[in-house]
Amino acid sequence: MSSAALDMADELLVSDRLLSVIASIRDDMRSDDSDSFIRRMLFPNDITPFYARELSNSYGWTLMFKMRGIDWI
């Protein structure tokens, strides 16, 4: 999301909404046990904010996680 056209209150609301969306994605990944050979998300996992001046002052959230599975060849 670019902060060029938003004031600080709008940025806070957008950031809160983005955090809710990425937390929902993380929760869905944690609860997905459709394939017993893949552990969708291992702990620890992190949701971290980012801010990039190079990208027109873009900001948002990043989800970092690990997966483990069995490879059948």
N, C-alpha and C. Protein backbone atom coordinates (compact mmCIF):
# COMPACT_ATOMS: atom_id res chain seq x y z
N MET A 1 0.85 -1.17 0.00
CA MET A 1 0.00 0.00 0.00
C MET A 1 0.89 1.23 0.00
N SER A 2 0.60 2.17 -0.83
CA SER A 2 1.39 3.40 -0.88
C SER A 2 0.75 4.44 0.03
N SER A 3 1.59 5.13 0.78
CA SER A 3 1.08 6.12 1.73
C SER A 3 1.06 7.53 1.15
N ALA A 4 1.26 7.68 -0.16
CA ALA A 4 1.36 9.01 -0.76
C ALA A 4 0.06 9.80 -0.66
N ALA A 5 -1.09 9.14 -0.75
CA ALA A 5 -2.37 9.86 -0.79
C ALA A 5 -3.18 9.74 0.50
N LEU A 6 -2.62 9.14 1.55
CA LEU A 6 -3.37 8.91 2.78
C LEU A 6 -2.80 9.75 3.92
N ASP A 7 -3.68 10.17 4.83
CA ASP A 7 -3.18 10.83 6.03
C ASP A 7 -2.89 9.76 7.09
N MET A 8 -2.40 10.15 8.24
CA MET A 8 -1.96 9.18 9.25
C MET A 8 -3.10 8.32 9.78
N ALA A 9 -4.29 8.88 9.93
CA ALA A 9 -5.43 8.10 10.42
C ALA A 9 -5.81 7.04 9.39
N ASP A 10 -5.83 7.41 8.11
CA ASP A 10 -6.13 6.44 7.06
C ASP A 10 -5.08 5.33 7.03
N GLU A 11 -3.82 5.71 7.17
CA GLU A 11 -2.74 4.72 7.18
C GLU A 11 -2.93 3.73 8.32
N LEU A 12 -3.31 4.22 9.49
CA LEU A 12 -3.53 3.36 10.64
C LEU A 12 -4.67 2.38 10.38
N LEU A 13 -5.76 2.86 9.82
CA LEU A 13 -6.91 1.99 9.52
C LEU A 13 -6.55 0.94 8.48
N VAL A 14 -5.84 1.34 7.43
CA VAL A 14 -5.44 0.39 6.39
C VAL A 14 -4.47 -0.63 6.96
N SER A 15 -3.52 -0.19 7.75
CA SER A 15 -2.56 -1.10 8.35
C SER A 15 -3.23 -2.11 9.26
N ASP A 16 -4.20 -1.67 10.04
CA ASP A 16 -4.95 -2.58 10.92
C ASP A 16 -5.72 -3.61 10.10
N ARG A 17 -6.32 -3.17 9.01
CA ARG A 17 -7.07 -4.10 8.14
C ARG A 17 -6.12 -5.11 7.49
N LEU A 18 -4.96 -4.65 7.02
CA LEU A 18 -3.98 -5.55 6.42
C LEU A 18 -3.48 -6.58 7.44
N LEU A 19 -3.26 -6.15 8.68
CA LEU A 19 -2.84 -7.07 9.72
C LEU A 19 -3.92 -8.12 9.99
N SER A 20 -5.17 -7.72 10.00
CA SER A 20 -6.28 -8.67 10.20
C SER A 20 -6.33 -9.69 9.07
N VAL A 21 -6.12 -9.24 7.84
CA VAL A 21 -6.15 -10.15 6.69
C VAL A 21 -5.01 -11.16 6.77
N ILE A 22 -3.80 -10.70 7.04
CA ILE A 22 -2.67 -11.63 7.08
C ILE A 22 -2.75 -12.56 8.29
N ALA A 23 -3.31 -12.11 9.40
CA ALA A 23 -3.52 -12.99 10.55
C ALA A 23 -4.56 -14.06 10.23
N SER A 24 -5.57 -13.71 9.46
CA SER A 24 -6.58 -14.67 9.03
C SER A 24 -5.97 -15.72 8.10
N ILE A 25 -5.10 -15.29 7.20
CA ILE A 25 -4.40 -16.23 6.31
C ILE A 25 -3.56 -17.19 7.14
N ARG A 26 -2.83 -16.68 8.13
CA ARG A 26 -2.02 -17.53 8.99
C ARG A 26 -2.88 -18.54 9.74
N ASP A 27 -4.01 -18.11 10.27
CA ASP A 27 -4.90 -19.01 10.99
C ASP A 27 -5.46 -20.10 10.07
N ASP A 28 -5.80 -19.74 8.84
CA ASP A 28 -6.28 -20.73 7.87
C ASP A 28 -5.19 -21.74 7.54
N MET A 29 -3.96 -21.28 7.39
CA MET A 29 -2.86 -22.20 7.10
C MET A 29 -2.60 -23.12 8.28
N ARG A 30 -2.71 -22.62 9.49
CA ARG A 30 -2.50 -23.46 10.67
C ARG A 30 -3.56 -24.56 10.78
N SER A 31 -4.78 -24.23 10.43
CA SER A 31 -5.88 -25.19 10.62
C SER A 31 -6.07 -26.12 9.43
N ASP A 32 -5.33 -25.91 8.33
CA ASP A 32 -5.47 -26.75 7.14
C ASP A 32 -4.74 -28.08 7.36
N ASP A 33 -5.51 -29.14 7.53
CA ASP A 33 -4.91 -30.46 7.64
C ASP A 33 -5.47 -31.39 6.57
N SER A 34 -5.63 -30.86 5.36
CA SER A 34 -6.18 -31.63 4.25
C SER A 34 -5.21 -32.68 3.74
N ASP A 35 -3.92 -32.50 3.97
CA ASP A 35 -2.91 -33.46 3.54
C ASP A 35 -2.09 -33.85 4.76
N SER A 36 -2.20 -35.11 5.17
CA SER A 36 -1.54 -35.54 6.41
C SER A 36 -0.02 -35.62 6.27
N PHE A 37 0.51 -35.56 5.05
CA PHE A 37 1.95 -35.65 4.85
C PHE A 37 2.64 -34.29 4.86
N ILE A 38 1.86 -33.23 4.98
CA ILE A 38 2.43 -31.89 5.00
C ILE A 38 2.00 -31.18 6.27
N ARG A 39 2.98 -30.69 7.00
CA ARG A 39 2.67 -29.80 8.13
C ARG A 39 2.73 -28.40 7.57
N ARG A 40 1.57 -27.79 7.41
CA ARG A 40 1.46 -26.52 6.69
C ARG A 40 2.26 -25.39 7.32
N MET A 41 2.28 -25.33 8.63
CA MET A 41 2.98 -24.22 9.25
C MET A 41 3.64 -24.69 10.53
N LEU A 42 4.91 -24.44 10.63
CA LEU A 42 5.65 -24.79 11.82
C LEU A 42 5.88 -23.53 12.65
N PHE A 43 6.14 -23.72 13.90
CA PHE A 43 6.42 -22.59 14.77
C PHE A 43 7.91 -22.48 14.98
N PRO A 44 8.51 -21.34 15.10
CA PRO A 44 7.83 -20.05 15.16
C PRO A 44 7.49 -19.52 13.77
N ASN A 45 6.50 -18.69 13.74
CA ASN A 45 6.19 -17.93 12.53
C ASN A 45 6.03 -16.48 12.94
N ASP A 46 6.32 -15.60 12.01
CA ASP A 46 6.35 -14.18 12.36
C ASP A 46 5.52 -13.37 11.38
N ILE A 47 4.80 -12.41 11.91
CA ILE A 47 4.16 -11.38 11.09
C ILE A 47 4.90 -10.09 11.42
N THR A 48 5.58 -9.54 10.42
CA THR A 48 6.39 -8.35 10.65
C THR A 48 5.97 -7.22 9.71
N PRO A 49 6.03 -6.00 10.19
CA PRO A 49 5.70 -4.87 9.31
C PRO A 49 6.88 -4.55 8.39
N PHE A 50 6.57 -3.96 7.23
CA PHE A 50 7.64 -3.46 6.38
C PHE A 50 7.28 -2.08 5.87
N TYR A 51 8.30 -1.33 5.54
CA TYR A 51 8.13 0.01 4.99
C TYR A 51 9.24 0.20 3.96
N ALA A 52 8.89 0.57 2.74
CA ALA A 52 9.88 0.71 1.68
C ALA A 52 9.76 2.07 1.01
N ARG A 53 10.69 2.94 1.30
CA ARG A 53 10.70 4.25 0.64
C ARG A 53 10.92 4.11 -0.86
N GLU A 54 11.71 3.11 -1.26
CA GLU A 54 12.01 2.91 -2.68
C GLU A 54 10.77 2.61 -3.50
N LEU A 55 9.75 2.09 -2.88
CA LEU A 55 8.51 1.71 -3.56
C LEU A 55 7.41 2.71 -3.25
N SER A 56 7.68 3.97 -3.46
CA SER A 56 6.71 5.05 -3.23
C SER A 56 6.16 5.04 -1.81
N ASN A 57 7.05 4.84 -0.84
CA ASN A 57 6.66 4.79 0.57
C ASN A 57 5.62 3.72 0.85
N SER A 58 5.81 2.55 0.25
CA SER A 58 4.88 1.43 0.46
C SER A 58 5.07 0.85 1.85
N TYR A 59 3.99 0.30 2.39
CA TYR A 59 4.05 -0.35 3.69
C TYR A 59 3.07 -1.50 3.71
N GLY A 60 3.24 -2.40 4.67
CA GLY A 60 2.34 -3.54 4.79
C GLY A 60 2.88 -4.52 5.82
N TRP A 61 2.51 -5.78 5.67
CA TRP A 61 2.89 -6.83 6.60
C TRP A 61 3.44 -8.02 5.83
N THR A 62 4.37 -8.74 6.43
CA THR A 62 4.98 -9.92 5.83
C THR A 62 4.80 -11.09 6.79
N LEU A 63 4.40 -12.25 6.25
CA LEU A 63 4.26 -13.47 7.03
C LEU A 63 5.42 -14.39 6.69
N MET A 64 6.22 -14.75 7.68
CA MET A 64 7.35 -15.66 7.50
C MET A 64 7.03 -16.96 8.23
N PHE A 65 7.19 -18.09 7.53
CA PHE A 65 6.88 -19.38 8.14
C PHE A 65 7.69 -20.47 7.47
N LYS A 66 7.66 -21.68 8.05
CA LYS A 66 8.32 -22.86 7.49
C LYS A 66 7.27 -23.94 7.30
N MET A 67 7.50 -24.78 6.29
CA MET A 67 6.63 -25.93 6.04
C MET A 67 7.50 -27.19 6.05
N ARG A 68 6.90 -28.31 6.40
CA ARG A 68 7.61 -29.58 6.40
C ARG A 68 6.70 -30.61 5.74
N GLY A 69 7.28 -31.44 4.88
CA GLY A 69 6.48 -32.46 4.23
C GLY A 69 7.32 -33.65 3.81
N ILE A 70 6.66 -34.69 3.35
CA ILE A 70 7.31 -35.90 2.87
C ILE A 70 7.25 -35.88 1.35
N ASP A 71 8.40 -36.14 0.72
CA ASP A 71 8.48 -36.14 -0.74
C ASP A 71 8.46 -37.59 -1.23
N TRP A 72 7.44 -37.94 -1.98
CA TRP A 72 7.33 -39.28 -2.55
C TRP A 72 7.83 -39.25 -3.98
N ILE A 73 8.96 -39.90 -4.24
CA ILE A 73 9.51 -39.92 -5.60
C ILE A 73 9.35 -41.30 -6.18
